[in-house]
Amino acid sequence: MDAADINLKGFAEDFYHTVTGAQLKPIMDTIRYAVHETECRVA
């Protein structure tokens, strides 16, 4: 993986679903993966 752009819009499930229409858990899982399993820089 050369680069990733993961935009977290909020931390509460209800807010996240209202703003994005998506669930928060898959996004958080992806961020955890990027932090712990890749050499991507997370800022």
PDB file of N, CA and C in Angstrom:
ATOM      1  N   MET A   1       0.854  -1.158   0.000  1.00  0.00           N
ATOM      2  CA  MET A   1       0.000   0.000   0.000  1.00  0.00           C
ATOM      3  C   MET A   1       0.904   1.226   0.000  1.00  0.00           C
ATOM      4  N   ASP A   2       0.723   2.097  -0.968  1.00  0.00           N
ATOM      5  CA  ASP A   2       1.523   3.314  -1.049  1.00  0.00           C
ATOM      6  C   ASP A   2       0.890   4.470  -0.287  1.00  0.00           C
ATOM      7  N   ALA A   3      -0.445   4.540  -0.303  1.00  0.00           N
ATOM      8  CA  ALA A   3      -1.121   5.656   0.356  1.00  0.00           C
ATOM      9  C   ALA A   3      -2.563   5.278   0.661  1.00  0.00           C
ATOM     10  N   ALA A   4      -3.105   5.947   1.641  1.00  0.00           N
ATOM     11  CA  ALA A   4      -4.524   5.756   1.990  1.00  0.00           C
ATOM     12  C   ALA A   4      -5.063   7.071   2.516  1.00  0.00           C
ATOM     13  N   ASP A   5      -6.305   7.353   2.207  1.00  0.00           N
ATOM     14  CA  ASP A   5      -6.982   8.540   2.722  1.00  0.00           C
ATOM     15  C   ASP A   5      -8.266   8.065   3.387  1.00  0.00           C
ATOM     16  N   ILE A   6      -8.263   8.052   4.711  1.00  0.00           N
ATOM     17  CA  ILE A   6      -9.417   7.583   5.479  1.00  0.00           C
ATOM     18  C   ILE A   6      -9.954   8.779   6.262  1.00  0.00           C
ATOM     19  N   ASN A   7     -11.169   9.187   5.959  1.00  0.00           N
ATOM     20  CA  ASN A   7     -11.759  10.355   6.605  1.00  0.00           C
ATOM     21  C   ASN A   7     -12.760   9.926   7.665  1.00  0.00           C
ATOM     22  N   LEU A   8     -12.438  10.206   8.899  1.00  0.00           N
ATOM     23  CA  LEU A   8     -13.337   9.907  10.017  1.00  0.00           C
ATOM     24  C   LEU A   8     -14.150  11.159  10.311  1.00  0.00           C
ATOM     25  N   LYS A   9     -15.451  11.080  10.129  1.00  0.00           N
ATOM     26  CA  LYS A   9     -16.323  12.246  10.279  1.00  0.00           C
ATOM     27  C   LYS A   9     -16.837  12.436  11.697  1.00  0.00           C
ATOM     28  N   GLY A  10     -16.760  11.413  12.521  1.00  0.00           N
ATOM     29  CA  GLY A  10     -17.245  11.512  13.897  1.00  0.00           C
ATOM     30  C   GLY A  10     -16.976  10.229  14.637  1.00  0.00           C
ATOM     31  N   PHE A  11     -17.237  10.245  15.939  1.00  0.00           N
ATOM     32  CA  PHE A  11     -16.939   9.090  16.781  1.00  0.00           C
ATOM     33  C   PHE A  11     -18.182   8.369  17.292  1.00  0.00           C
ATOM     34  N   ALA A  12     -19.332   8.974  17.164  1.00  0.00           N
ATOM     35  CA  ALA A  12     -20.577   8.353  17.638  1.00  0.00           C
ATOM     36  C   ALA A  12     -21.277   7.658  16.469  1.00  0.00           C
ATOM     37  N   GLU A  13     -21.722   6.439  16.690  1.00  0.00           N
ATOM     38  CA  GLU A  13     -22.368   5.646  15.633  1.00  0.00           C
ATOM     39  C   GLU A  13     -23.560   6.385  15.025  1.00  0.00           C
ATOM     40  N   ASP A  14     -24.432   6.942  15.863  1.00  0.00           N
ATOM     41  CA  ASP A  14     -25.623   7.642  15.345  1.00  0.00           C
ATOM     42  C   ASP A  14     -25.231   8.834  14.476  1.00  0.00           C
ATOM     43  N   PHE A  15     -24.294   9.640  14.960  1.00  0.00           N
ATOM     44  CA  PHE A  15     -23.835  10.796  14.196  1.00  0.00           C
ATOM     45  C   PHE A  15     -23.216  10.354  12.876  1.00  0.00           C
ATOM     46  N   TYR A  16     -22.347   9.362  12.937  1.00  0.00           N
ATOM     47  CA  TYR A  16     -21.651   8.895  11.738  1.00  0.00           C
ATOM     48  C   TYR A  16     -22.645   8.399  10.695  1.00  0.00           C
ATOM     49  N   HIS A  17     -23.627   7.644  11.134  1.00  0.00           N
ATOM     50  CA  HIS A  17     -24.628   7.118  10.200  1.00  0.00           C
ATOM     51  C   HIS A  17     -25.461   8.259   9.600  1.00  0.00           C
ATOM     52  N   THR A  18     -25.826   9.239  10.419  1.00  0.00           N
ATOM     53  CA  THR A  18     -26.615  10.365   9.926  1.00  0.00           C
ATOM     54  C   THR A  18     -25.836  11.175   8.894  1.00  0.00           C
ATOM     55  N   VAL A  19     -24.570  11.440   9.154  1.00  0.00           N
ATOM     56  CA  VAL A  19     -23.753  12.275   8.272  1.00  0.00           C
ATOM     57  C   VAL A  19     -23.341  11.538   7.006  1.00  0.00           C
ATOM     58  N   THR A  20     -22.953  10.268   7.132  1.00  0.00           N
ATOM     59  CA  THR A  20     -22.387   9.553   5.983  1.00  0.00           C
ATOM     60  C   THR A  20     -23.282   8.466   5.408  1.00  0.00           C
ATOM     61  N   GLY A  21     -24.252   8.003   6.196  1.00  0.00           N
ATOM     62  CA  GLY A  21     -25.083   6.889   5.760  1.00  0.00           C
ATOM     63  C   GLY A  21     -24.393   5.543   5.928  1.00  0.00           C
ATOM     64  N   ALA A  22     -23.223   5.552   6.541  1.00  0.00           N
ATOM     65  CA  ALA A  22     -22.435   4.331   6.729  1.00  0.00           C
ATOM     66  C   ALA A  22     -22.339   3.977   8.208  1.00  0.00           C
ATOM     67  N   GLN A  23     -21.818   2.781   8.475  1.00  0.00           N
ATOM     68  CA  GLN A  23     -21.586   2.361   9.850  1.00  0.00           C
ATOM     69  C   GLN A  23     -20.170   2.738  10.261  1.00  0.00           C
ATOM     70  N   LEU A  24     -19.981   3.023  11.537  1.00  0.00           N
ATOM     71  CA  LEU A  24     -18.691   3.462  12.058  1.00  0.00           C
ATOM     72  C   LEU A  24     -17.686   2.316  12.200  1.00  0.00           C
ATOM     73  N   LYS A  25     -18.122   1.129  12.596  1.00  0.00           N
ATOM     74  CA  LYS A  25     -17.205   0.034  12.899  1.00  0.00           C
ATOM     75  C   LYS A  25     -16.277  -0.330  11.741  1.00  0.00           C
ATOM     76  N   PRO A  26     -16.763  -0.472  10.507  1.00  0.00           N
ATOM     77  CA  PRO A  26     -15.839  -0.808   9.412  1.00  0.00           C
ATOM     78  C   PRO A  26     -14.758   0.262   9.196  1.00  0.00           C
ATOM     79  N   ILE A  27     -15.106   1.503   9.413  1.00  0.00           N
ATOM     80  CA  ILE A  27     -14.124   2.585   9.272  1.00  0.00           C
ATOM     81  C   ILE A  27     -13.075   2.475  10.371  1.00  0.00           C
ATOM     82  N   MET A  28     -13.523   2.257  11.600  1.00  0.00           N
ATOM     83  CA  MET A  28     -12.589   2.112  12.717  1.00  0.00           C
ATOM     84  C   MET A  28     -11.695   0.884  12.519  1.00  0.00           C
ATOM     85  N   ASP A  29     -12.266  -0.204  12.021  1.00  0.00           N
ATOM     86  CA  ASP A  29     -11.467  -1.407  11.741  1.00  0.00           C
ATOM     87  C   ASP A  29     -10.387  -1.122  10.698  1.00  0.00           C
ATOM     88  N   THR A  30     -10.732  -0.353   9.674  1.00  0.00           N
ATOM     89  CA  THR A  30      -9.773   0.001   8.640  1.00  0.00           C
ATOM     90  C   THR A  30      -8.661   0.880   9.191  1.00  0.00           C
ATOM     91  N   ILE A  31      -9.008   1.830  10.036  1.00  0.00           N
ATOM     92  CA  ILE A  31      -7.993   2.694  10.654  1.00  0.00           C
ATOM     93  C   ILE A  31      -7.069   1.866  11.541  1.00  0.00           C
ATOM     94  N   ARG A  32      -7.634   0.966  12.339  1.00  0.00           N
ATOM     95  CA  ARG A  32      -6.798   0.096  13.185  1.00  0.00           C
ATOM     96  C   ARG A  32      -5.849  -0.742  12.329  1.00  0.00           C
ATOM     97  N   TYR A  33      -6.355  -1.271  11.232  1.00  0.00           N
ATOM     98  CA  TYR A  33      -5.521  -2.061  10.331  1.00  0.00           C
ATOM     99  C   TYR A  33      -4.371  -1.205   9.779  1.00  0.00           C
ATOM    100  N   ALA A  34      -4.695  -0.013   9.313  1.00  0.00           N
ATOM    101  CA  ALA A  34      -3.674   0.868   8.752  1.00  0.00           C
ATOM    102  C   ALA A  34      -2.598   1.204   9.780  1.00  0.00           C
ATOM    103  N   VAL A  35      -3.007   1.430  11.010  1.00  0.00           N
ATOM    104  CA  VAL A  35      -2.061   1.795  12.071  1.00  0.00           C
ATOM    105  C   VAL A  35      -1.175   0.620  12.457  1.00  0.00           C
ATOM    106  N   HIS A  36      -1.774  -0.554  12.626  1.00  0.00           N
ATOM    107  CA  HIS A  36      -1.056  -1.687  13.208  1.00  0.00           C
ATOM    108  C   HIS A  36      -0.462  -2.670  12.193  1.00  0.00           C
ATOM    109  N   GLU A  37      -0.986  -2.709  10.995  1.00  0.00           N
ATOM    110  CA  GLU A  37      -0.569  -3.737  10.045  1.00  0.00           C
ATOM    111  C   GLU A  37       0.130  -3.205   8.797  1.00  0.00           C
ATOM    112  N   THR A  38       0.263  -1.897   8.661  1.00  0.00           N
ATOM    113  CA  THR A  38       0.934  -1.327   7.503  1.00  0.00           C
ATOM    114  C   THR A  38       1.974  -0.311   7.975  1.00  0.00           C
ATOM    115  N   GLU A  39       2.715   0.179   7.023  1.00  0.00           N
ATOM    116  CA  GLU A  39       3.712   1.213   7.339  1.00  0.00           C
ATOM    117  C   GLU A  39       3.181   2.602   6.982  1.00  0.00           C
ATOM    118  N   CYS A  40       1.864   2.715   6.774  1.00  0.00           N
ATOM    119  CA  CYS A  40       1.272   4.023   6.465  1.00  0.00           C
ATOM    120  C   CYS A  40       1.431   4.959   7.649  1.00  0.00           C
ATOM    121  N   ARG A  41       1.671   6.208   7.355  1.00  0.00           N
ATOM    122  CA  ARG A  41       1.723   7.235   8.395  1.00  0.00           C
ATOM    123  C   ARG A  41       0.309   7.706   8.646  1.00  0.00           C
ATOM    124  N   VAL A  42      -0.110   7.716   9.883  1.00  0.00           N
ATOM    125  CA  VAL A  42      -1.456   8.151  10.248  1.00  0.00           C
ATOM    126  C   VAL A  42      -1.330   9.460  11.004  1.00  0.00           C
ATOM    127  N   ALA A  43      -2.035  10.460  10.499  1.00  0.00           N
ATOM    128  CA  ALA A  43      -1.973  11.782  11.125  1.00  0.00           C
ATOM    129  C   ALA A  43      -3.350  12.250  11.518  1.00  0.00           C
TER     130      ALA A  43
END
